[in-house]
Amino acid sequence: MKTLRLLAWGFLLSIFVATLLAEFVAPAPYAEQFRESPNALPSWQHPLGTDELGRDALSRLLYGSRVSLLLAPAAALLATLIAALVGGVAGYLGGWWERVAMGATDLSLSLPWLFLLLTVRAMLPLNEPPMTSVVITFALLGLLGWSPSARVVCAGTRTLRNSEFVLQARACGCRGWRLLLRQVLPNLKPVLYAQFWVSIPIFILSEANLGILGLGVAEPLPSWGNLLRGLENYSAVLNNPWRVAPLGLLIIVVSCFQLILPLEDFRS
């Protein structure tokens, strides 16, 4: 298992470095069109061929992977911070504070996550510039994806609130928000780390779902979501099987994130 973890870390780091250096690694800019060779087969000039607009497929894969691998962790960080605030305060204060917060969390969890995300995204402007659509997409993921983590954080905070070292700190005069910030939250780091890492592949897949439906990152900026839309052209996929490269890379990356997160490493 340790060998698999090392291989997963190595693969993720390699992909991450390759996407960061996309300007130097990619054969062409992601939006450049080679109008004389649309739907071209793999060649030395275009290692993965071109799409229907003549854009280099490898270049778009590298730039699209960069979007997901950089912004999915940002969305996961936002969701984890919201979960720490809501769940931490609810578990620390207890009483009706906890009932109200967990009631709101349960309501959020009862709603179909994907349909809620699709509905909210569809209500927002869809003709935004590409970078604006990136910010909107991953901000929505972070703002709507906090509720599962909030319940875990609340349970952990409730346990810490009644622990011996917290009672001792309270007896020494440490109370209120100072007790929460200095004694409780630092001991929630393993829980927060775990929730952060678990959220990253979830948000990568969520963006892919939005992109397939045309509600994710706007063209011409690539992302895993809008790259997967190319698989809708069945005849083009049969002519060039390398078109499934975005799907294969997505599956491998998500699997690697699962391998690098053994739950026992986050148990206190």
Protein backbone atom coordinates (compact mmCIF):
# COMPACT_ATOMS: atom_id res chain seq x y z
CA MET A 1 0.00 0.00 0.00
CA LYS A 2 2.88 2.33 0.76
CA THR A 3 4.30 1.73 -2.73
CA LEU A 4 0.94 2.62 -4.29
CA ARG A 5 0.83 5.83 -2.26
CA LEU A 6 4.30 6.80 -3.43
CA LEU A 7 3.37 6.07 -7.04
CA ALA A 8 0.18 8.13 -6.66
CA TRP A 9 2.12 11.05 -5.18
CA GLY A 10 4.70 10.83 -7.96
CA PHE A 11 2.05 10.79 -10.68
CA LEU A 12 0.12 13.72 -9.18
CA LEU A 13 3.29 15.78 -8.77
CA SER A 14 4.32 15.01 -12.36
CA ILE A 15 0.94 16.07 -13.73
CA PHE A 16 0.92 19.16 -11.54
CA VAL A 17 4.37 20.24 -12.72
CA ALA A 18 3.48 19.53 -16.35
CA THR A 19 0.35 21.69 -16.12
CA LEU A 20 2.23 24.53 -14.42
CA LEU A 21 4.77 24.45 -17.25
CA ALA A 22 2.11 24.12 -19.95
CA GLU A 23 3.43 27.18 -21.77
CA PHE A 24 6.71 25.33 -22.32
CA VAL A 25 5.44 21.74 -22.64
CA ALA A 26 2.34 22.23 -24.80
CA PRO A 27 2.87 22.06 -28.58
CA ALA A 28 0.71 25.16 -29.14
CA PRO A 29 -1.49 27.69 -27.31
CA TYR A 30 -4.76 26.11 -26.21
CA ALA A 31 -6.92 28.42 -28.38
CA GLU A 32 -4.78 28.37 -31.56
CA GLN A 33 -6.62 26.84 -34.50
CA PHE A 34 -4.92 24.83 -37.23
CA ARG A 35 -7.71 25.28 -39.74
CA GLU A 36 -6.03 23.09 -42.33
CA SER A 37 -6.15 20.02 -40.05
CA PRO A 38 -9.39 19.69 -38.03
CA ASN A 39 -9.98 16.29 -36.39
CA ALA A 40 -6.41 15.32 -37.25
CA LEU A 41 -4.98 12.02 -36.08
CA PRO A 42 -1.97 11.96 -33.70
CA SER A 43 1.28 13.08 -35.29
CA TRP A 44 4.64 14.58 -34.31
CA GLN A 45 3.11 18.06 -34.54
CA HIS A 46 -0.05 17.09 -32.64
CA PRO A 47 0.71 14.09 -30.36
CA LEU A 48 -2.97 13.62 -29.44
CA GLY A 49 -4.41 14.98 -32.67
CA THR A 50 -6.71 18.01 -32.96
CA ASP A 51 -10.37 18.68 -32.19
CA GLU A 52 -13.09 19.67 -34.63
CA LEU A 53 -11.85 23.28 -34.63
CA GLY A 54 -8.26 22.29 -35.32
CA ARG A 55 -6.99 23.02 -31.79
CA ASP A 56 -4.17 20.87 -30.44
CA ALA A 57 -5.66 18.24 -28.10
CA LEU A 58 -2.55 17.79 -25.94
CA SER A 59 -2.28 21.54 -25.33
CA ARG A 60 -5.91 21.75 -24.30
CA LEU A 61 -5.51 18.73 -22.02
CA LEU A 62 -2.55 20.31 -20.22
CA TYR A 63 -4.23 23.69 -19.78
CA GLY A 64 -7.54 22.08 -18.80
CA SER A 65 -5.83 19.91 -16.19
CA ARG A 66 -4.22 23.04 -14.76
CA VAL A 67 -7.64 24.64 -14.24
CA SER A 68 -8.98 21.68 -12.28
CA LEU A 69 -5.81 20.87 -10.33
CA LEU A 70 -5.35 24.47 -9.16
CA LEU A 71 -8.91 25.55 -8.49
CA ALA A 72 -10.44 22.36 -7.09
CA PRO A 73 -8.10 22.63 -4.04
CA ALA A 74 -9.10 26.31 -3.74
CA ALA A 75 -12.78 25.32 -3.70
CA ALA A 76 -12.01 22.55 -1.18
CA LEU A 77 -10.21 25.06 1.05
CA LEU A 78 -13.21 27.42 0.94
CA ALA A 79 -15.63 24.59 1.77
CA THR A 80 -13.40 23.39 4.62
CA LEU A 81 -13.15 26.88 6.12
CA ILE A 82 -16.93 27.28 6.03
CA ALA A 83 -17.35 23.81 7.56
CA ALA A 84 -14.84 24.69 10.31
CA LEU A 85 -16.75 27.89 11.10
CA VAL A 86 -20.25 26.39 11.06
CA GLY A 87 -19.43 23.01 12.56
CA GLY A 88 -16.86 24.34 15.03
CA VAL A 89 -19.13 27.04 16.47
CA ALA A 90 -22.14 24.70 16.57
CA GLY A 91 -20.26 21.92 18.33
CA TYR A 92 -18.58 24.31 20.77
CA LEU A 93 -21.67 26.26 21.79
CA GLY A 94 -24.07 23.32 21.74
CA GLY A 95 -27.70 23.79 22.69
CA TRP A 96 -29.98 25.57 20.28
CA TRP A 97 -26.98 26.90 18.33
CA GLU A 98 -26.06 23.36 17.40
CA ARG A 99 -29.66 22.39 16.64
CA VAL A 100 -30.12 25.34 14.28
CA ALA A 101 -26.77 24.86 12.54
CA MET A 102 -27.18 21.12 12.14
CA GLY A 103 -30.77 21.61 10.99
CA ALA A 104 -29.51 23.89 8.22
CA THR A 105 -26.80 21.35 7.42
CA ASP A 106 -29.33 18.51 7.26
CA LEU A 107 -31.52 20.60 4.96
CA SER A 108 -28.56 21.20 2.69
CA LEU A 109 -27.66 17.50 2.70
CA SER A 110 -31.24 16.49 1.93
CA LEU A 111 -31.18 18.43 -1.33
CA PRO A 112 -29.76 16.63 -4.40
CA TRP A 113 -26.22 18.02 -4.50
CA LEU A 114 -25.70 17.87 -8.25
CA PHE A 115 -29.15 19.20 -9.14
CA LEU A 116 -28.76 22.04 -6.64
CA LEU A 117 -25.40 22.93 -8.17
CA LEU A 118 -26.85 22.81 -11.69
CA THR A 119 -29.82 24.96 -10.69
CA VAL A 120 -27.74 27.66 -9.02
CA ARG A 121 -25.20 27.74 -11.87
CA ALA A 122 -27.95 27.93 -14.49
CA MET A 123 -29.45 30.95 -12.68
CA LEU A 124 -26.18 32.87 -13.05
CA PRO A 125 -24.99 34.50 -16.30
CA LEU A 126 -23.63 31.92 -18.72
CA ASN A 127 -21.97 34.32 -21.18
CA GLU A 128 -19.24 35.48 -18.80
CA PRO A 129 -15.56 35.73 -19.84
CA PRO A 130 -13.64 32.47 -19.37
CA MET A 131 -11.74 33.51 -16.24
CA THR A 132 -14.93 34.86 -14.66
CA SER A 133 -16.67 31.55 -15.35
CA VAL A 134 -13.76 29.74 -13.65
CA VAL A 135 -14.15 31.83 -10.50
CA ILE A 136 -17.94 31.45 -10.50
CA THR A 137 -17.80 27.68 -10.99
CA PHE A 138 -15.34 26.89 -8.23
CA ALA A 139 -16.75 29.52 -5.84
CA LEU A 140 -20.12 27.77 -6.17
CA LEU A 141 -18.48 24.42 -5.47
CA GLY A 142 -16.93 25.79 -2.29
CA LEU A 143 -20.04 27.66 -1.12
CA LEU A 144 -22.37 24.71 -1.68
CA GLY A 145 -20.07 21.84 -0.72
CA TRP A 146 -19.43 22.55 2.97
CA SER A 147 -22.33 20.69 4.60
CA PRO A 148 -20.95 17.09 4.71
CA SER A 149 -17.74 18.33 6.32
CA ALA A 150 -19.66 20.53 8.79
CA ARG A 151 -21.31 17.53 10.42
CA VAL A 152 -17.96 15.79 10.88
CA VAL A 153 -16.38 18.95 12.33
CA CYS A 154 -19.34 19.47 14.66
CA ALA A 155 -19.05 15.94 16.03
CA GLY A 156 -15.31 16.35 16.54
CA THR A 157 -15.78 19.70 18.29
CA ARG A 158 -18.46 18.27 20.57
CA THR A 159 -16.07 15.52 21.63
CA LEU A 160 -13.24 17.98 22.27
CA ARG A 161 -15.53 20.33 24.20
CA ASN A 162 -15.99 17.66 26.89
CA SER A 163 -12.40 16.42 26.86
CA GLU A 164 -10.14 16.65 29.89
CA PHE A 165 -7.63 19.15 28.50
CA VAL A 166 -10.42 21.56 27.53
CA LEU A 167 -11.97 21.28 30.98
CA GLN A 168 -8.55 21.94 32.48
CA ALA A 169 -8.04 25.00 30.25
CA ARG A 170 -11.49 26.27 31.26
CA ALA A 171 -10.62 25.79 34.91
CA CYS A 172 -7.45 27.87 34.36
CA GLY A 173 -9.55 30.79 33.12
CA CYS A 174 -9.44 30.22 29.35
CA ARG A 175 -13.00 30.75 28.17
CA GLY A 176 -15.17 31.88 25.29
CA TRP A 177 -13.72 32.37 21.82
CA ARG A 178 -10.17 32.21 23.19
CA LEU A 179 -10.80 28.64 24.32
CA LEU A 180 -12.28 27.73 20.93
CA LEU A 181 -9.47 29.30 18.91
CA ARG A 182 -6.51 28.22 21.04
CA GLN A 183 -7.57 24.82 22.39
CA VAL A 184 -10.34 23.31 20.29
CA LEU A 185 -9.65 24.30 16.67
CA PRO A 186 -5.92 23.38 16.70
CA ASN A 187 -6.91 19.86 17.76
CA LEU A 188 -9.33 19.63 14.85
CA LYS A 189 -6.51 19.88 12.29
CA PRO A 190 -6.49 16.13 11.46
CA VAL A 191 -10.25 16.24 10.80
CA LEU A 192 -9.97 19.40 8.69
CA TYR A 193 -7.03 17.99 6.70
CA ALA A 194 -9.01 14.84 5.94
CA GLN A 195 -12.10 16.79 4.85
CA PHE A 196 -9.96 19.03 2.64
CA TRP A 197 -8.31 16.14 0.80
CA VAL A 198 -11.57 14.22 0.43
CA SER A 199 -13.26 17.27 -1.11
CA ILE A 200 -10.72 17.80 -3.91
CA PRO A 201 -11.67 14.79 -6.11
CA ILE A 202 -15.35 15.47 -5.41
CA PHE A 203 -15.02 19.02 -6.74
CA ILE A 204 -12.98 17.86 -9.74
CA LEU A 205 -15.78 15.47 -10.69
CA SER A 206 -18.43 18.12 -10.00
CA GLU A 207 -16.75 20.56 -12.37
CA ALA A 208 -16.55 17.81 -14.97
CA ASN A 209 -20.31 17.26 -14.68
CA LEU A 210 -20.98 20.98 -15.06
CA GLY A 211 -18.64 21.23 -18.03
CA ILE A 212 -20.25 18.33 -19.86
CA LEU A 213 -23.60 20.13 -19.60
CA GLY A 214 -22.11 23.44 -20.73
CA LEU A 215 -22.44 25.11 -17.32
CA GLY A 216 -18.81 25.02 -16.25
CA VAL A 217 -15.72 26.86 -17.48
CA ALA A 218 -16.50 28.86 -20.64
CA GLU A 219 -14.80 28.32 -23.98
CA PRO A 220 -12.18 28.75 -25.28
CA LEU A 221 -10.53 28.10 -21.90
CA PRO A 222 -10.32 24.31 -21.51
CA SER A 223 -11.20 22.30 -18.44
CA TRP A 224 -11.78 18.60 -17.88
CA GLY A 225 -15.50 19.24 -18.11
CA ASN A 226 -15.63 20.85 -21.54
CA LEU A 227 -12.90 18.49 -22.83
CA LEU A 228 -15.16 15.55 -22.04
CA ARG A 229 -17.84 17.07 -24.24
CA GLY A 230 -15.70 15.99 -27.19
CA LEU A 231 -16.66 12.39 -26.42
CA GLU A 232 -20.20 13.17 -27.57
CA ASN A 233 -18.93 12.88 -31.16
CA TYR A 234 -18.95 9.09 -31.34
CA SER A 235 -17.63 8.83 -34.90
CA ALA A 236 -14.71 11.16 -34.11
CA VAL A 237 -13.82 9.01 -31.08
CA LEU A 238 -13.83 5.88 -33.24
CA ASN A 239 -11.55 7.55 -35.76
CA ASN A 240 -9.20 8.85 -33.07
CA PRO A 241 -9.31 6.79 -29.82
CA TRP A 242 -6.85 9.25 -28.25
CA ARG A 243 -9.84 11.55 -27.71
CA VAL A 244 -10.57 9.56 -24.55
CA ALA A 245 -7.28 10.83 -23.02
CA PRO A 246 -9.07 13.48 -20.85
CA LEU A 247 -11.39 10.80 -19.44
CA GLY A 248 -8.48 8.44 -18.73
CA LEU A 249 -6.45 11.17 -17.04
CA LEU A 250 -9.45 12.25 -14.95
CA ILE A 251 -10.01 8.69 -13.70
CA ILE A 252 -6.33 8.22 -12.85
CA VAL A 253 -6.04 11.56 -11.01
CA VAL A 254 -9.18 10.95 -8.94
CA SER A 255 -7.95 7.44 -8.11
CA CYS A 256 -4.58 8.85 -7.03
CA PHE A 257 -6.28 11.27 -4.65
CA GLN A 258 -8.05 8.32 -3.06
CA LEU A 259 -4.79 6.39 -2.69
CA ILE A 260 -2.91 9.20 -0.93
CA LEU A 261 -5.57 9.54 1.75
CA PRO A 262 -5.54 6.50 4.08
CA LEU A 263 -7.95 7.42 6.85
CA GLU A 264 -5.75 6.04 9.62
CA ASP A 265 -3.25 8.88 9.03
CA PHE A 266 -5.87 11.39 10.18
CA ARG A 267 -7.04 9.65 13.30
CA SER A 268 -6.07 11.35 16.51
